[in-house]
Amino acid sequence: LAIVKEGIALMEDGTLGKLTEEQKSFIGMTSKNISRLETLINDILDFSKLENKKMDFRIIQGDINGIISQVIKGYEVALNRKSLELKTRLDPSLPLISLDPDRIVQVLHNLINNALKFTEKGSIDIESARNGNEVIISVKDTGRGIKKTDLSRLFSKFEHITYDDHPRKSGTGLGLAICKQIIEQLGGSIRAESEYGKGSVFSFTLPIK
């Protein structure tokens, strides 16, 4: 895929010659489809490694608040585009905890992307707090919410939640299943709470060691 993407990039920037508007449109569509395919392949590979306990974790003593702050910086444009407010309440007294920063970033991106996808107005709230020997991270939105009948399926592989006005399935159906595997293999847990039509809260815990 890397070679194909490089070839498309050369065409898009005009290195291989000037393109007509129709050709630009076709190349753009092809580029998006290749990106989707790349995501699908990466998700399947990640889930396979996690399910078979073959994922290599890079464990460090990390600052979870620092990781959250870095991740949310990348969502400013998307939030402004939808006129959504971002609220953060990060407990400054949290200690360093054992984690894999890359995998925690992966989990946060998945949860925030889902919140953005299904929230058209209101806000997305991200919180960190300590509860005994655990740190709790939550991503709350004011979006469509999830029906009770769908909540139990959220973290299963290849599951998609659809809505009457948006029945089309998108993504691999592996995102939340991957998040569950990552968090549990780091010694934590993940769950979802929701009231249909009023929003959802996804939260995960990590142990303080």
Protein backbone atom coordinates (compact mmCIF):
# COMPACT_ATOMS: atom_id res chain seq x y z
CA LEU A 1 0.00 0.00 0.00
CA ALA A 2 2.86 2.38 0.72
CA ILE A 3 4.03 2.23 -2.92
CA VAL A 4 0.49 2.82 -4.20
CA LYS A 5 0.02 5.78 -1.84
CA GLU A 6 3.32 7.28 -2.99
CA GLY A 7 2.26 6.97 -6.62
CA ILE A 8 -1.07 8.65 -5.93
CA ALA A 9 0.68 11.45 -4.03
CA LEU A 10 2.90 12.10 -7.04
CA MET A 11 -0.16 12.38 -9.27
CA GLU A 12 -2.04 14.61 -6.81
CA ASP A 13 0.79 17.13 -6.51
CA GLY A 14 1.28 17.32 -10.28
CA THR A 15 4.73 15.71 -10.35
CA LEU A 16 3.59 13.26 -13.03
CA GLY A 17 1.77 15.87 -15.10
CA LYS A 18 -1.24 18.15 -14.91
CA LEU A 19 -4.57 16.50 -14.13
CA THR A 20 -8.04 17.42 -15.32
CA GLU A 21 -10.72 18.12 -12.70
CA GLU A 22 -12.29 14.74 -13.42
CA GLN A 23 -8.95 13.00 -12.92
CA LYS A 24 -8.34 14.91 -9.67
CA SER A 25 -11.74 13.78 -8.39
CA PHE A 26 -11.03 10.17 -9.30
CA ILE A 27 -7.56 10.25 -7.70
CA GLY A 28 -8.99 11.82 -4.55
CA MET A 29 -11.62 9.10 -4.27
CA THR A 30 -8.98 6.42 -4.83
CA SER A 31 -6.78 7.93 -2.11
CA LYS A 32 -9.66 7.86 0.41
CA ASN A 33 -10.46 4.23 -0.42
CA ILE A 34 -6.82 3.22 0.04
CA SER A 35 -6.77 4.96 3.43
CA ARG A 36 -9.89 3.01 4.45
CA LEU A 37 -8.27 -0.22 3.30
CA GLU A 38 -5.12 0.60 5.26
CA THR A 39 -7.20 1.24 8.40
CA LEU A 40 -9.03 -2.04 7.92
CA ILE A 41 -5.80 -4.01 7.56
CA ASN A 42 -4.19 -2.33 10.57
CA ASP A 43 -7.28 -2.94 12.72
CA ILE A 44 -7.41 -6.61 11.80
CA LEU A 45 -3.69 -7.05 12.49
CA ASP A 46 -3.94 -5.22 15.82
CA PHE A 47 -6.95 -7.23 16.96
CA SER A 48 -5.35 -10.51 15.93
CA LYS A 49 -2.22 -9.70 17.94
CA LEU A 50 -4.22 -8.58 20.96
CA GLU A 51 -6.61 -11.53 20.90
CA ASN A 52 -3.69 -13.95 20.75
CA LYS A 53 -1.71 -12.02 23.40
CA LYS A 54 1.04 -11.28 20.86
CA MET A 55 0.96 -7.49 21.09
CA ASP A 56 4.23 -5.93 22.24
CA PHE A 57 3.51 -3.23 24.82
CA ARG A 58 6.03 -0.47 25.54
CA ILE A 59 5.34 0.12 29.22
CA ILE A 60 6.61 3.31 30.85
CA GLN A 61 5.70 5.39 33.89
CA GLY A 62 3.64 7.98 32.06
CA ASP A 63 1.63 11.14 32.65
CA ILE A 64 -1.91 10.30 31.53
CA ASN A 65 -3.00 13.96 31.67
CA GLY A 66 -0.12 14.93 29.38
CA ILE A 67 -1.14 12.26 26.88
CA ILE A 68 -4.77 13.44 26.92
CA SER A 69 -3.73 17.07 26.42
CA GLN A 70 -1.58 16.19 23.41
CA VAL A 71 -4.36 14.12 21.82
CA ILE A 72 -7.10 16.73 22.12
CA LYS A 73 -4.97 19.40 20.44
CA GLY A 74 -5.49 17.55 17.18
CA TYR A 75 -9.28 17.90 17.39
CA GLU A 76 -9.58 21.69 17.49
CA VAL A 77 -10.43 22.03 13.79
CA ALA A 78 -12.98 19.20 13.80
CA LEU A 79 -14.68 20.56 16.92
CA ASN A 80 -14.85 24.09 15.50
CA ARG A 81 -16.25 22.76 12.23
CA LYS A 82 -19.21 21.26 14.09
CA SER A 83 -19.42 24.14 16.61
CA LEU A 84 -18.89 21.72 19.49
CA GLU A 85 -17.46 22.79 22.83
CA LEU A 86 -14.61 20.80 24.34
CA LYS A 87 -14.59 20.63 28.13
CA THR A 88 -11.69 19.10 30.04
CA ARG A 89 -11.43 18.34 33.73
CA LEU A 90 -8.08 16.72 34.37
CA ASP A 91 -7.09 15.98 37.96
CA PRO A 92 -3.66 17.65 38.42
CA SER A 93 -2.82 15.42 41.39
CA LEU A 94 -2.73 12.16 39.43
CA PRO A 95 0.50 10.18 39.81
CA LEU A 96 2.51 8.67 37.00
CA ILE A 97 1.09 5.28 36.03
CA SER A 98 2.30 2.25 34.10
CA LEU A 99 1.03 2.47 30.53
CA ASP A 100 1.90 2.18 26.86
CA PRO A 101 1.55 5.77 25.56
CA ASP A 102 1.02 4.76 21.93
CA ARG A 103 -1.79 2.35 22.81
CA ILE A 104 -3.47 4.83 25.16
CA VAL A 105 -3.35 7.40 22.35
CA GLN A 106 -5.00 4.79 20.09
CA VAL A 107 -7.80 4.25 22.63
CA LEU A 108 -8.36 7.99 23.13
CA HIS A 109 -8.51 8.64 19.39
CA ASN A 110 -11.10 5.90 18.97
CA LEU A 111 -13.33 7.19 21.76
CA ILE A 112 -13.08 10.86 20.72
CA ASN A 113 -13.64 10.04 17.03
CA ASN A 114 -16.79 8.12 17.94
CA ALA A 115 -18.02 11.01 20.08
CA LEU A 116 -17.42 13.44 17.21
CA LYS A 117 -19.12 11.19 14.69
CA PHE A 118 -22.38 10.99 16.61
CA THR A 119 -22.54 14.46 18.18
CA GLU A 120 -24.04 17.33 16.19
CA LYS A 121 -24.50 19.91 18.95
CA GLY A 122 -23.43 20.51 22.51
CA SER A 123 -20.11 19.36 23.87
CA ILE A 124 -17.56 16.63 24.38
CA ASP A 125 -16.22 16.36 27.94
CA ILE A 126 -12.98 14.60 28.82
CA GLU A 127 -12.17 13.93 32.45
CA SER A 128 -9.48 12.22 34.49
CA ALA A 129 -9.78 11.36 38.16
CA ARG A 130 -8.45 9.04 40.81
CA ASN A 131 -10.60 6.41 42.48
CA GLY A 132 -8.65 4.45 45.06
CA ASN A 133 -5.93 2.51 43.29
CA GLU A 134 -7.19 3.39 39.82
CA VAL A 135 -7.21 6.29 37.41
CA ILE A 136 -10.48 6.80 35.54
CA ILE A 137 -10.60 8.48 32.12
CA SER A 138 -13.97 9.34 30.60
CA VAL A 139 -15.16 10.75 27.28
CA LYS A 140 -18.70 12.12 27.49
CA ASP A 141 -20.76 13.50 24.61
CA THR A 142 -24.17 15.08 24.08
CA GLY A 143 -24.85 13.08 20.94
CA ARG A 144 -27.46 10.56 19.83
CA GLY A 145 -26.86 8.09 22.58
CA ILE A 146 -27.11 4.31 22.29
CA LYS A 147 -30.14 2.08 22.75
CA LYS A 148 -30.05 -0.32 25.71
CA THR A 149 -30.34 -3.26 23.33
CA ASP A 150 -27.11 -2.15 21.61
CA LEU A 151 -24.99 -1.44 24.69
CA SER A 152 -24.11 -5.07 25.30
CA ARG A 153 -22.74 -5.43 21.74
CA LEU A 154 -20.49 -2.35 21.74
CA PHE A 155 -17.20 -4.02 22.59
CA SER A 156 -17.72 -7.15 20.47
CA LYS A 157 -15.71 -7.56 17.28
CA PHE A 158 -17.25 -6.61 13.93
CA GLU A 159 -20.25 -4.95 15.58
CA HIS A 160 -21.75 -1.77 14.14
CA ILE A 161 -24.34 0.47 15.76
CA THR A 162 -26.69 2.02 13.20
CA TYR A 163 -29.47 4.62 13.43
CA ASP A 164 -32.75 4.95 11.56
CA ASP A 165 -31.60 8.15 9.83
CA HIS A 166 -28.07 6.83 9.32
CA PRO A 167 -28.33 3.09 8.57
CA ARG A 168 -25.06 2.85 6.67
CA LYS A 169 -22.32 0.92 8.44
CA SER A 170 -18.90 2.54 8.50
CA GLY A 171 -15.52 1.48 9.83
CA THR A 172 -14.26 -1.99 10.58
CA GLY A 173 -16.37 -2.75 13.62
CA LEU A 174 -13.16 -3.47 15.51
CA GLY A 175 -12.35 -0.11 17.10
CA LEU A 176 -14.03 -0.63 20.47
CA ALA A 177 -13.07 -4.31 20.57
CA ILE A 178 -9.42 -3.24 20.16
CA CYS A 179 -9.85 -0.62 22.92
CA LYS A 180 -11.23 -3.29 25.26
CA GLN A 181 -8.33 -5.64 24.57
CA ILE A 182 -5.73 -2.89 25.08
CA ILE A 183 -7.19 -1.61 28.35
CA GLU A 184 -7.75 -5.06 29.82
CA GLN A 185 -4.25 -6.19 28.91
CA LEU A 186 -2.92 -3.09 30.67
CA GLY A 187 -4.76 -4.23 33.79
CA GLY A 188 -7.78 -1.92 33.50
CA SER A 189 -11.40 -2.07 32.39
CA ILE A 190 -13.64 -0.18 29.96
CA ARG A 191 -17.37 0.43 29.86
CA ALA A 192 -20.10 2.52 28.26
CA GLU A 193 -23.18 4.22 29.67
CA SER A 194 -25.80 5.92 27.58
CA GLU A 195 -29.30 7.35 27.47
CA TYR A 196 -30.73 7.18 23.97
CA GLY A 197 -31.15 10.64 22.52
CA LYS A 198 -29.13 12.32 25.26
CA GLY A 199 -25.54 11.20 24.83
CA SER A 200 -23.02 8.63 25.99
CA VAL A 201 -20.11 8.22 28.38
CA PHE A 202 -17.21 5.89 27.62
CA SER A 203 -14.79 5.41 30.48
CA PHE A 204 -11.76 3.27 31.15
CA THR A 205 -9.61 2.62 34.18
CA LEU A 206 -5.90 1.99 34.59
CA PRO A 207 -4.28 0.72 37.79
CA ILE A 208 -1.96 2.85 39.88
CA LYS A 209 1.08 0.72 40.67
